[in-house]
Amino acid sequence: MTELGNLTARHVTSADGTNIAYWRLGSGNSILFVHGLSGSHVNWQPVAERLSGEFTACTMDRRGRGASGDGAPYALERETEDVAAVAETLGPAVVLAHSLAGPFALEAAMTSEAVQAVILYEAWPSPMSEMPRDVLEGIERLVSLGRYEEALTYGDPPEEIEQTRQLPDYAERVATAHTFPREIRGWERYWQQHPVDEERWRVLEKPVLLLYGERNSDGMAAPAQRFAESLPQATIKVLAGQGHTAYHEAPYLVAEVVRTWLGNLDGAVDR
């Protein structure tokens, strides 16, 4: 195990032999938080802390960042195996995936009995999740030149760049910017292969909660409704006053929404 701050990182070996780091707080039934494109387990630590009085709240570093290892060649399937490996170590778990991590949670729920339910926070296809070709190519160019700090915020407006620089894990985000192109392209391929109206979603007989921020309603509401209609057990919740990073801006709100939803499942997951 590895000491990081005042928490201890545990490790599980994924299917391809890669070590994946995770942190656990509290006791009770497990919730596994999976961060999106940038950042690390630190992103979801504030939410995990607020739920640790009732649950075993776990955060993880996805492969290629933080205390986790990496493997080549990169494939979205390996990330799915990583999530499943941690969930299986925890026992039955609810998986909350943010943004680009959505497919990892969904596929893990399809293939692993250890994943009992899925919470997706702005983690399905929408106009907001489509990156312009010139921006993606610009990021790839900067990464190839080793200019990771520029790659991290390439294409963002000045006010968002300044907000990103103020985040507590900014240095970690810069250090992992080289992983962005492979993950963005993996996301795009996934949703091309598995559109939201595909019949395969009908077999996902597990509860799914779709979360999005009120500030993003224009781009998220219709896609969320469409995806919910393709799932057997889906609920949509809107985070009042929030955008794409409520885990940072309002962790208390995210924790309360998750707590309430899980409390209303009435035995659909282990309690």
C-alpha atoms as a PDB file:
ATOM      1  CA  MET A   1       0.000   0.000   0.000  1.00  0.00           C
ATOM      2  CA  THR A   2       1.096   3.576  -0.683  1.00  0.00           C
ATOM      3  CA  GLU A   3       0.658   6.575   1.588  1.00  0.00           C
ATOM      4  CA  LEU A   4      -0.867   9.635  -0.099  1.00  0.00           C
ATOM      5  CA  GLY A   5      -1.551  12.482   2.261  1.00  0.00           C
ATOM      6  CA  ASN A   6      -3.462  11.171   5.284  1.00  0.00           C
ATOM      7  CA  LEU A   7      -5.087   8.332   3.344  1.00  0.00           C
ATOM      8  CA  THR A   8      -3.699   4.988   2.298  1.00  0.00           C
ATOM      9  CA  ALA A   9      -3.902   3.807  -1.291  1.00  0.00           C
ATOM     10  CA  ARG A  10      -4.730   0.172  -1.829  1.00  0.00           C
ATOM     11  CA  HIS A  11      -4.023  -1.605  -5.100  1.00  0.00           C
ATOM     12  CA  VAL A  12      -5.823  -4.207  -7.151  1.00  0.00           C
ATOM     13  CA  THR A  13      -4.446  -5.962 -10.219  1.00  0.00           C
ATOM     14  CA  SER A  14      -6.599  -5.488 -13.310  1.00  0.00           C
ATOM     15  CA  ALA A  15      -7.107  -8.176 -15.955  1.00  0.00           C
ATOM     16  CA  ASP A  16      -4.075  -7.094 -18.020  1.00  0.00           C
ATOM     17  CA  GLY A  17      -1.779  -6.990 -14.978  1.00  0.00           C
ATOM     18  CA  THR A  18      -1.941  -3.222 -14.410  1.00  0.00           C
ATOM     19  CA  ASN A  19      -2.028  -2.048 -10.788  1.00  0.00           C
ATOM     20  CA  ILE A  20      -4.998   0.211 -10.079  1.00  0.00           C
ATOM     21  CA  ALA A  21      -4.989   2.374  -6.949  1.00  0.00           C
ATOM     22  CA  TYR A  22      -8.066   3.080  -4.871  1.00  0.00           C
ATOM     23  CA  TRP A  23      -8.870   4.715  -1.536  1.00  0.00           C
ATOM     24  CA  ARG A  24     -11.642   3.767   0.862  1.00  0.00           C
ATOM     25  CA  LEU A  25     -13.344   5.670   3.649  1.00  0.00           C
ATOM     26  CA  GLY A  26     -16.016   4.607   6.111  1.00  0.00           C
ATOM     27  CA  SER A  27     -17.935   1.358   6.309  1.00  0.00           C
ATOM     28  CA  GLY A  28     -21.116  -0.140   4.953  1.00  0.00           C
ATOM     29  CA  ASN A  29     -22.215  -0.824   1.402  1.00  0.00           C
ATOM     30  CA  SER A  30     -19.744   0.372  -1.211  1.00  0.00           C
ATOM     31  CA  ILE A  31     -19.854   3.311  -3.616  1.00  0.00           C
ATOM     32  CA  LEU A  32     -17.005   3.576  -6.123  1.00  0.00           C
ATOM     33  CA  PHE A  33     -16.337   7.017  -7.637  1.00  0.00           C
ATOM     34  CA  VAL A  34     -14.653   7.102 -11.059  1.00  0.00           C
ATOM     35  CA  HIS A  35     -13.279  10.445 -12.229  1.00  0.00           C
ATOM     36  CA  GLY A  36     -13.515  11.742 -15.787  1.00  0.00           C
ATOM     37  CA  LEU A  37     -11.006  13.016 -18.332  1.00  0.00           C
ATOM     38  CA  SER A  38      -8.817  15.154 -16.098  1.00  0.00           C
ATOM     39  CA  GLY A  39      -7.813  14.888 -12.479  1.00  0.00           C
ATOM     40  CA  SER A  40      -7.591  11.870 -10.215  1.00  0.00           C
ATOM     41  CA  HIS A  41      -9.239  10.296  -7.182  1.00  0.00           C
ATOM     42  CA  VAL A  42      -8.873  13.707  -5.504  1.00  0.00           C
ATOM     43  CA  ASN A  43     -11.789  15.028  -7.583  1.00  0.00           C
ATOM     44  CA  TRP A  44     -14.350  12.938  -5.716  1.00  0.00           C
ATOM     45  CA  GLN A  45     -12.776  12.872  -2.276  1.00  0.00           C
ATOM     46  CA  PRO A  46     -15.050  15.637  -0.861  1.00  0.00           C
ATOM     47  CA  VAL A  47     -18.181  13.712  -1.879  1.00  0.00           C
ATOM     48  CA  ALA A  48     -16.728  10.433  -0.593  1.00  0.00           C
ATOM     49  CA  GLU A  49     -15.993  12.021   2.775  1.00  0.00           C
ATOM     50  CA  ARG A  50     -19.590  13.200   3.124  1.00  0.00           C
ATOM     51  CA  LEU A  51     -20.940   9.711   2.448  1.00  0.00           C
ATOM     52  CA  SER A  52     -18.396   7.763   4.479  1.00  0.00           C
ATOM     53  CA  GLY A  53     -20.558   7.867   7.613  1.00  0.00           C
ATOM     54  CA  GLU A  54     -23.061   5.521   5.946  1.00  0.00           C
ATOM     55  CA  PHE A  55     -21.135   3.814   3.148  1.00  0.00           C
ATOM     56  CA  THR A  56     -17.746   2.479   2.240  1.00  0.00           C
ATOM     57  CA  ALA A  57     -16.956   5.380  -0.087  1.00  0.00           C
ATOM     58  CA  CYS A  58     -14.126   4.622  -2.514  1.00  0.00           C
ATOM     59  CA  THR A  59     -12.272   6.725  -5.036  1.00  0.00           C
ATOM     60  CA  MET A  60      -9.795   5.461  -7.630  1.00  0.00           C
ATOM     61  CA  ASP A  61      -7.078   6.703  -9.952  1.00  0.00           C
ATOM     62  CA  ARG A  62      -7.828   5.604 -13.479  1.00  0.00           C
ATOM     63  CA  ARG A  63      -4.947   4.015 -15.359  1.00  0.00           C
ATOM     64  CA  GLY A  64      -2.208   6.340 -16.529  1.00  0.00           C
ATOM     65  CA  ARG A  65      -2.513   8.764 -13.630  1.00  0.00           C
ATOM     66  CA  GLY A  66      -1.756   9.191  -9.958  1.00  0.00           C
ATOM     67  CA  ALA A  67      -0.829   6.031  -8.081  1.00  0.00           C
ATOM     68  CA  SER A  68      -2.194   3.693 -10.770  1.00  0.00           C
ATOM     69  CA  GLY A  69      -0.098   2.055 -13.444  1.00  0.00           C
ATOM     70  CA  ASP A  70      -0.663   2.064 -17.177  1.00  0.00           C
ATOM     71  CA  GLY A  71      -0.565  -0.373 -20.055  1.00  0.00           C
ATOM     72  CA  ALA A  72      -0.216  -0.340 -23.813  1.00  0.00           C
ATOM     73  CA  PRO A  73      -1.929  -0.296 -26.163  1.00  0.00           C
ATOM     74  CA  TYR A  74      -4.716   1.764 -24.628  1.00  0.00           C
ATOM     75  CA  ALA A  75      -8.257   0.467 -25.013  1.00  0.00           C
ATOM     76  CA  LEU A  76     -11.520   1.460 -23.399  1.00  0.00           C
ATOM     77  CA  GLU A  77     -12.033  -2.213 -22.518  1.00  0.00           C
ATOM     78  CA  ARG A  78      -9.037  -2.065 -20.183  1.00  0.00           C
ATOM     79  CA  GLU A  79     -10.629   0.818 -18.259  1.00  0.00           C
ATOM     80  CA  THR A  80     -13.817  -1.241 -17.930  1.00  0.00           C
ATOM     81  CA  GLU A  81     -11.775  -4.102 -16.507  1.00  0.00           C
ATOM     82  CA  ASP A  82     -10.151  -1.690 -14.048  1.00  0.00           C
ATOM     83  CA  VAL A  83     -13.528  -0.543 -12.703  1.00  0.00           C
ATOM     84  CA  ALA A  84     -14.770  -4.119 -12.474  1.00  0.00           C
ATOM     85  CA  ALA A  85     -11.603  -5.205 -10.642  1.00  0.00           C
ATOM     86  CA  VAL A  86     -12.016  -2.539  -7.959  1.00  0.00           C
ATOM     87  CA  ALA A  87     -15.771  -3.208  -7.628  1.00  0.00           C
ATOM     88  CA  GLU A  88     -15.133  -6.926  -7.214  1.00  0.00           C
ATOM     89  CA  THR A  89     -12.551  -6.239  -4.525  1.00  0.00           C
ATOM     90  CA  LEU A  90     -15.049  -4.116  -2.633  1.00  0.00           C
ATOM     91  CA  GLY A  91     -17.829  -6.645  -2.977  1.00  0.00           C
ATOM     92  CA  PRO A  92     -21.187  -5.443  -4.358  1.00  0.00           C
ATOM     93  CA  ALA A  93     -20.810  -1.769  -5.255  1.00  0.00           C
ATOM     94  CA  VAL A  94     -22.632   1.151  -6.797  1.00  0.00           C
ATOM     95  CA  VAL A  95     -20.415   2.860  -9.366  1.00  0.00           C
ATOM     96  CA  LEU A  96     -20.626   6.625  -9.900  1.00  0.00           C
ATOM     97  CA  ALA A  97     -18.889   7.716 -13.099  1.00  0.00           C
ATOM     98  CA  HIS A  98     -18.261  11.282 -14.162  1.00  0.00           C
ATOM     99  CA  SER A  99     -18.163  12.527 -17.748  1.00  0.00           C
ATOM    100  CA  LEU A 100     -15.894  10.446 -19.985  1.00  0.00           C
ATOM    101  CA  ALA A 101     -15.886   7.566 -17.454  1.00  0.00           C
ATOM    102  CA  GLY A 102     -19.515   6.730 -18.241  1.00  0.00           C
ATOM    103  CA  PRO A 103     -18.776   3.851 -20.645  1.00  0.00           C
ATOM    104  CA  PHE A 104     -16.448   2.210 -18.121  1.00  0.00           C
ATOM    105  CA  ALA A 105     -19.210   2.062 -15.514  1.00  0.00           C
ATOM    106  CA  LEU A 106     -21.881   0.950 -17.976  1.00  0.00           C
ATOM    107  CA  GLU A 107     -19.779  -1.839 -19.427  1.00  0.00           C
ATOM    108  CA  ALA A 108     -18.668  -2.977 -15.972  1.00  0.00           C
ATOM    109  CA  ALA A 109     -22.349  -3.148 -14.997  1.00  0.00           C
ATOM    110  CA  MET A 110     -22.989  -5.268 -18.097  1.00  0.00           C
ATOM    111  CA  THR A 111     -20.219  -7.744 -17.349  1.00  0.00           C
ATOM    112  CA  SER A 112     -19.725  -7.848 -13.577  1.00  0.00           C
ATOM    113  CA  GLU A 113     -22.208  -8.935 -10.937  1.00  0.00           C
ATOM    114  CA  ALA A 114     -20.229  -6.851  -8.449  1.00  0.00           C
ATOM    115  CA  VAL A 115     -21.647  -3.653  -9.985  1.00  0.00           C
ATOM    116  CA  GLN A 116     -25.171  -3.384  -8.616  1.00  0.00           C
ATOM    117  CA  ALA A 117     -26.170   0.055  -9.865  1.00  0.00           C
ATOM    118  CA  VAL A 118     -24.729   2.950 -11.847  1.00  0.00           C
ATOM    119  CA  ILE A 119     -24.806   6.713 -11.344  1.00  0.00           C
ATOM    120  CA  LEU A 120     -23.778   8.767 -14.369  1.00  0.00           C
ATOM    121  CA  TYR A 121     -22.923  12.437 -13.924  1.00  0.00           C
ATOM    122  CA  GLU A 122     -23.079  14.061 -17.390  1.00  0.00           C
ATOM    123  CA  ALA A 123     -21.585  10.843 -18.740  1.00  0.00           C
ATOM    124  CA  TRP A 124     -23.639  10.095 -21.846  1.00  0.00           C
ATOM    125  CA  PRO A 125     -23.519  11.590 -25.380  1.00  0.00           C
ATOM    126  CA  SER A 126     -24.736  15.170 -25.633  1.00  0.00           C
ATOM    127  CA  PRO A 127     -23.824  18.282 -27.644  1.00  0.00           C
ATOM    128  CA  MET A 128     -21.621  19.282 -24.696  1.00  0.00           C
ATOM    129  CA  SER A 129     -19.576  16.085 -24.987  1.00  0.00           C
ATOM    130  CA  GLU A 130     -18.661  16.619 -28.635  1.00  0.00           C
ATOM    131  CA  MET A 131     -15.152  18.052 -29.017  1.00  0.00           C
ATOM    132  CA  PRO A 132     -14.481  20.005 -32.240  1.00  0.00           C
ATOM    133  CA  ARG A 133     -11.949  18.312 -34.526  1.00  0.00           C
ATOM    134  CA  ASP A 134      -9.599  21.274 -34.513  1.00  0.00           C
ATOM    135  CA  VAL A 135      -9.522  21.349 -30.704  1.00  0.00           C
ATOM    136  CA  LEU A 136      -8.761  17.629 -30.412  1.00  0.00           C
ATOM    137  CA  GLU A 137      -6.063  17.874 -33.071  1.00  0.00           C
ATOM    138  CA  GLY A 138      -4.608  20.897 -31.273  1.00  0.00           C
ATOM    139  CA  ILE A 139      -4.444  18.931 -28.016  1.00  0.00           C
ATOM    140  CA  GLU A 140      -2.758  16.017 -29.792  1.00  0.00           C
ATOM    141  CA  ARG A 141      -0.193  18.369 -31.320  1.00  0.00           C
ATOM    142  CA  LEU A 142       0.637  19.978 -27.980  1.00  0.00           C
ATOM    143  CA  VAL A 143       0.911  16.591 -26.274  1.00  0.00           C
ATOM    144  CA  SER A 144       3.303  15.373 -28.973  1.00  0.00           C
ATOM    145  CA  LEU A 145       5.473  18.420 -28.228  1.00  0.00           C
ATOM    146  CA  GLY A 146       5.387  17.771 -24.488  1.00  0.00           C
ATOM    147  CA  ARG A 147       3.468  21.002 -23.831  1.00  0.00           C
ATOM    148  CA  TYR A 148       1.059  19.428 -21.357  1.00  0.00           C
ATOM    149  CA  GLU A 149       0.001  22.574 -19.533  1.00  0.00           C
ATOM    150  CA  GLU A 150      -1.160  24.167 -22.776  1.00  0.00           C
ATOM    151  CA  ALA A 151      -2.839  20.920 -23.850  1.00  0.00           C
ATOM    152  CA  LEU A 152      -4.832  20.790 -20.611  1.00  0.00           C
ATOM    153  CA  THR A 153      -6.718  24.016 -21.297  1.00  0.00           C
ATOM    154  CA  TYR A 154      -6.489  24.214 -25.088  1.00  0.00           C
ATOM    155  CA  GLY A 155      -9.695  25.650 -26.544  1.00  0.00           C
ATOM    156  CA  ASP A 156     -11.093  26.776 -23.187  1.00  0.00           C
ATOM    157  CA  PRO A 157     -12.180  30.402 -22.633  1.00  0.00           C
ATOM    158  CA  PRO A 158      -9.895  32.506 -20.385  1.00  0.00           C
ATOM    159  CA  GLU A 159     -12.238  32.401 -17.387  1.00  0.00           C
ATOM    160  CA  GLU A 160     -12.346  28.589 -17.451  1.00  0.00           C
ATOM    161  CA  ILE A 161      -8.566  28.399 -17.787  1.00  0.00           C
ATOM    162  CA  GLU A 162      -8.182  30.529 -14.654  1.00  0.00           C
ATOM    163  CA  GLN A 163     -10.691  28.365 -12.769  1.00  0.00           C
ATOM    164  CA  THR A 164      -8.780  25.242 -13.782  1.00  0.00           C
ATOM    165  CA  ARG A 165      -5.525  26.741 -12.514  1.00  0.00           C
ATOM    166  CA  GLN A 166      -7.109  27.246  -9.088  1.00  0.00           C
ATOM    167  CA  LEU A 167      -8.110  23.605  -8.662  1.00  0.00           C
ATOM    168  CA  PRO A 168      -6.227  21.738  -5.911  1.00  0.00           C
ATOM    169  CA  ASP A 169      -5.179  18.967  -8.302  1.00  0.00           C
ATOM    170  CA  TYR A 170      -4.031  21.276 -11.110  1.00  0.00           C
ATOM    171  CA  ALA A 171      -0.495  19.841 -11.165  1.00  0.00           C
ATOM    172  CA  GLU A 172      -1.893  16.314 -11.454  1.00  0.00           C
ATOM    173  CA  ARG A 173      -4.145  17.379 -14.329  1.00  0.00           C
ATOM    174  CA  VAL A 174      -1.163  18.829 -16.194  1.00  0.00           C
ATOM    175  CA  ALA A 175       0.901  15.697 -15.611  1.00  0.00           C
ATOM    176  CA  THR A 176      -1.778  13.469 -17.119  1.00  0.00           C
ATOM    177  CA  ALA A 177      -2.739  15.633 -20.103  1.00  0.00           C
ATOM    178  CA  HIS A 178      -0.982  13.165 -22.420  1.00  0.00           C
ATOM    179  CA  THR A 179      -3.808  10.685 -21.754  1.00  0.00           C
ATOM    180  CA  PHE A 180      -6.527  13.019 -23.045  1.00  0.00           C
ATOM    181  CA  PRO A 181      -6.402  12.286 -26.804  1.00  0.00           C
ATOM    182  CA  ARG A 182      -6.553   8.507 -26.401  1.00  0.00           C
ATOM    183  CA  GLU A 183      -9.484   8.744 -24.012  1.00  0.00           C
ATOM    184  CA  ILE A 184     -11.464  11.243 -26.065  1.00  0.00           C
ATOM    185  CA  ARG A 185     -11.074   9.126 -29.176  1.00  0.00           C
ATOM    186  CA  GLY A 186     -12.005   6.025 -27.172  1.00  0.00           C
ATOM    187  CA  TRP A 187     -15.186   7.764 -25.954  1.00  0.00           C
ATOM    188  CA  GLU A 188     -16.140   8.700 -29.504  1.00  0.00           C
ATOM    189  CA  ARG A 189     -15.591   5.175 -30.822  1.00  0.00           C
ATOM    190  CA  TYR A 190     -17.628   3.709 -27.983  1.00  0.00           C
ATOM    191  CA  TRP A 191     -20.723   5.791 -28.606  1.00  0.00           C
ATOM    192  CA  GLN A 192     -20.468   5.230 -32.361  1.00  0.00           C
ATOM    193  CA  GLN A 193     -20.525   1.493 -31.695  1.00  0.00           C
ATOM    194  CA  HIS A 194     -23.196   1.667 -28.981  1.00  0.00           C
ATOM    195  CA  PRO A 195     -25.701   4.450 -29.729  1.00  0.00           C
ATOM    196  CA  VAL A 196     -28.192   5.302 -27.010  1.00  0.00           C
ATOM    197  CA  ASP A 197     -31.138   3.813 -28.887  1.00  0.00           C
ATOM    198  CA  GLU A 198     -29.436   0.440 -29.286  1.00  0.00           C
ATOM    199  CA  GLU A 199     -31.361  -2.596 -28.034  1.00  0.00           C
ATOM    200  CA  ARG A 200     -28.403  -3.762 -25.952  1.00  0.00           C
ATOM    201  CA  TRP A 201     -29.262  -1.212 -23.256  1.00  0.00           C
ATOM    202  CA  ARG A 202     -32.533  -3.066 -22.648  1.00  0.00           C
ATOM    203  CA  VAL A 203     -30.616  -5.901 -21.008  1.00  0.00           C
ATOM    204  CA  LEU A 204     -29.046  -3.656 -18.362  1.00  0.00           C
ATOM    205  CA  GLU A 205     -31.451  -4.688 -15.623  1.00  0.00           C
ATOM    206  CA  LYS A 206     -29.802  -2.559 -12.953  1.00  0.00           C
ATOM    207  CA  PRO A 207     -30.819   0.822 -11.560  1.00  0.00           C
ATOM    208  CA  VAL A 208     -29.229   3.812 -13.297  1.00  0.00           C
ATOM    209  CA  LEU A 209     -29.311   7.416 -12.086  1.00  0.00           C
ATOM    210  CA  LEU A 210     -28.580  10.139 -14.629  1.00  0.00           C
ATOM    211  CA  LEU A 211     -27.328  13.387 -13.075  1.00  0.00           C
ATOM    212  CA  TYR A 212     -26.703  16.701 -14.766  1.00  0.00           C
ATOM    213  CA  GLY A 213     -26.197  20.279 -13.657  1.00  0.00           C
ATOM    214  CA  GLU A 214     -29.007  22.806 -13.992  1.00  0.00           C
ATOM    215  CA  ARG A 215     -26.649  25.230 -15.753  1.00  0.00           C
ATOM    216  CA  ASN A 216     -26.169  22.610 -18.492  1.00  0.00           C
ATOM    217  CA  SER A 217     -29.853  21.846 -19.016  1.00  0.00           C
ATOM    218  CA  ASP A 218     -29.906  23.197 -22.573  1.00  0.00           C
ATOM    219  CA  GLY A 219     -27.378  20.618 -23.716  1.00  0.00           C
ATOM    220  CA  MET A 220     -28.138  17.772 -21.310  1.00  0.00           C
ATOM    221  CA  ALA A 221     -31.894  17.535 -20.727  1.00  0.00           C
ATOM    222  CA  ALA A 222     -32.955  16.048 -24.073  1.00  0.00           C
ATOM    223  CA  PRO A 223     -30.036  13.564 -24.372  1.00  0.00           C
ATOM    224  CA  ALA A 224     -30.605  12.440 -20.773  1.00  0.00           C
ATOM    225  CA  GLN A 225     -34.282  11.783 -21.480  1.00  0.00           C
ATOM    226  CA  ARG A 226     -33.430   9.876 -24.636  1.00  0.00           C
ATOM    227  CA  PHE A 227     -30.878   7.711 -22.848  1.00  0.00           C
ATOM    228  CA  ALA A 228     -33.244   7.112 -19.912  1.00  0.00           C
ATOM    229  CA  GLU A 229     -35.856   5.795 -22.338  1.00  0.00           C
ATOM    230  CA  SER A 230     -33.378   3.184 -23.589  1.00  0.00           C
ATOM    231  CA  LEU A 231     -32.750   1.821 -20.070  1.00  0.00           C
ATOM    232  CA  PRO A 232     -35.075  -0.491 -18.117  1.00  0.00           C
ATOM    233  CA  GLN A 233     -34.521   1.256 -14.763  1.00  0.00           C
ATOM    234  CA  ALA A 234     -33.484   4.882 -15.139  1.00  0.00           C
ATOM    235  CA  THR A 235     -34.025   7.994 -13.038  1.00  0.00           C
ATOM    236  CA  ILE A 236     -33.031  11.562 -13.947  1.00  0.00           C
ATOM    237  CA  LYS A 237     -32.030  14.144 -11.353  1.00  0.00           C
ATOM    238  CA  VAL A 238     -30.980  17.755 -11.942  1.00  0.00           C
ATOM    239  CA  LEU A 239     -28.374  19.327  -9.646  1.00  0.00           C
ATOM    240  CA  ALA A 240     -29.786  22.746  -8.839  1.00  0.00           C
ATOM    241  CA  GLY A 241     -27.508  25.652  -9.731  1.00  0.00           C
ATOM    242  CA  GLN A 242     -24.638  23.405 -10.825  1.00  0.00           C
ATOM    243  CA  GLY A 243     -22.572  22.769 -13.949  1.00  0.00           C
ATOM    244  CA  HIS A 244     -20.128  20.002 -14.855  1.00  0.00           C
ATOM    245  CA  THR A 245     -18.093  20.075 -11.617  1.00  0.00           C
ATOM    246  CA  ALA A 246     -20.588  19.942  -8.754  1.00  0.00           C
ATOM    247  CA  TYR A 247     -18.265  17.463  -7.021  1.00  0.00           C
ATOM    248  CA  HIS A 248     -15.973  20.476  -6.507  1.00  0.00           C
ATOM    249  CA  GLU A 249     -18.485  23.308  -6.214  1.00  0.00           C
ATOM    250  CA  ALA A 250     -21.202  21.584  -4.152  1.00  0.00           C
ATOM    251  CA  PRO A 251     -20.065  18.180  -2.842  1.00  0.00           C
ATOM    252  CA  TYR A 252     -22.726  18.335  -0.112  1.00  0.00           C
ATOM    253  CA  LEU A 253     -25.445  18.516  -2.799  1.00  0.00           C
ATOM    254  CA  VAL A 254     -24.066  15.590  -4.788  1.00  0.00           C
ATOM    255  CA  ALA A 255     -23.758  13.524  -1.616  1.00  0.00           C
ATOM    256  CA  GLU A 256     -27.338  14.243  -0.613  1.00  0.00           C
ATOM    257  CA  VAL A 257     -28.726  13.344  -4.049  1.00  0.00           C
ATOM    258  CA  VAL A 258     -26.782  10.067  -4.074  1.00  0.00           C
ATOM    259  CA  ARG A 259     -27.822   9.258  -0.487  1.00  0.00           C
ATOM    260  CA  THR A 260     -31.501   9.920  -1.227  1.00  0.00           C
ATOM    261  CA  TRP A 261     -31.539   7.901  -4.451  1.00  0.00           C
ATOM    262  CA  LEU A 262     -29.875   4.902  -2.850  1.00  0.00           C
ATOM    263  CA  GLY A 263     -32.284   5.118   0.055  1.00  0.00           C
ATOM    264  CA  ASN A 264     -35.214   4.918  -2.344  1.00  0.00           C
ATOM    265  CA  LEU A 265     -34.079   1.816  -4.220  1.00  0.00           C
ATOM    266  CA  ASP A 266     -36.003  -0.454  -1.845  1.00  0.00           C
ATOM    267  CA  GLY A 267     -33.774  -3.505  -1.948  1.00  0.00           C
ATOM    268  CA  ALA A 268     -32.658  -3.175  -5.565  1.00  0.00           C
ATOM    269  CA  VAL A 269     -29.116  -3.022  -4.186  1.00  0.00           C
ATOM    270  CA  ASP A 270     -27.674  -4.461  -0.978  1.00  0.00           C
ATOM    271  CA  ARG A 271     -28.338  -2.131   1.934  1.00  0.00           C
END
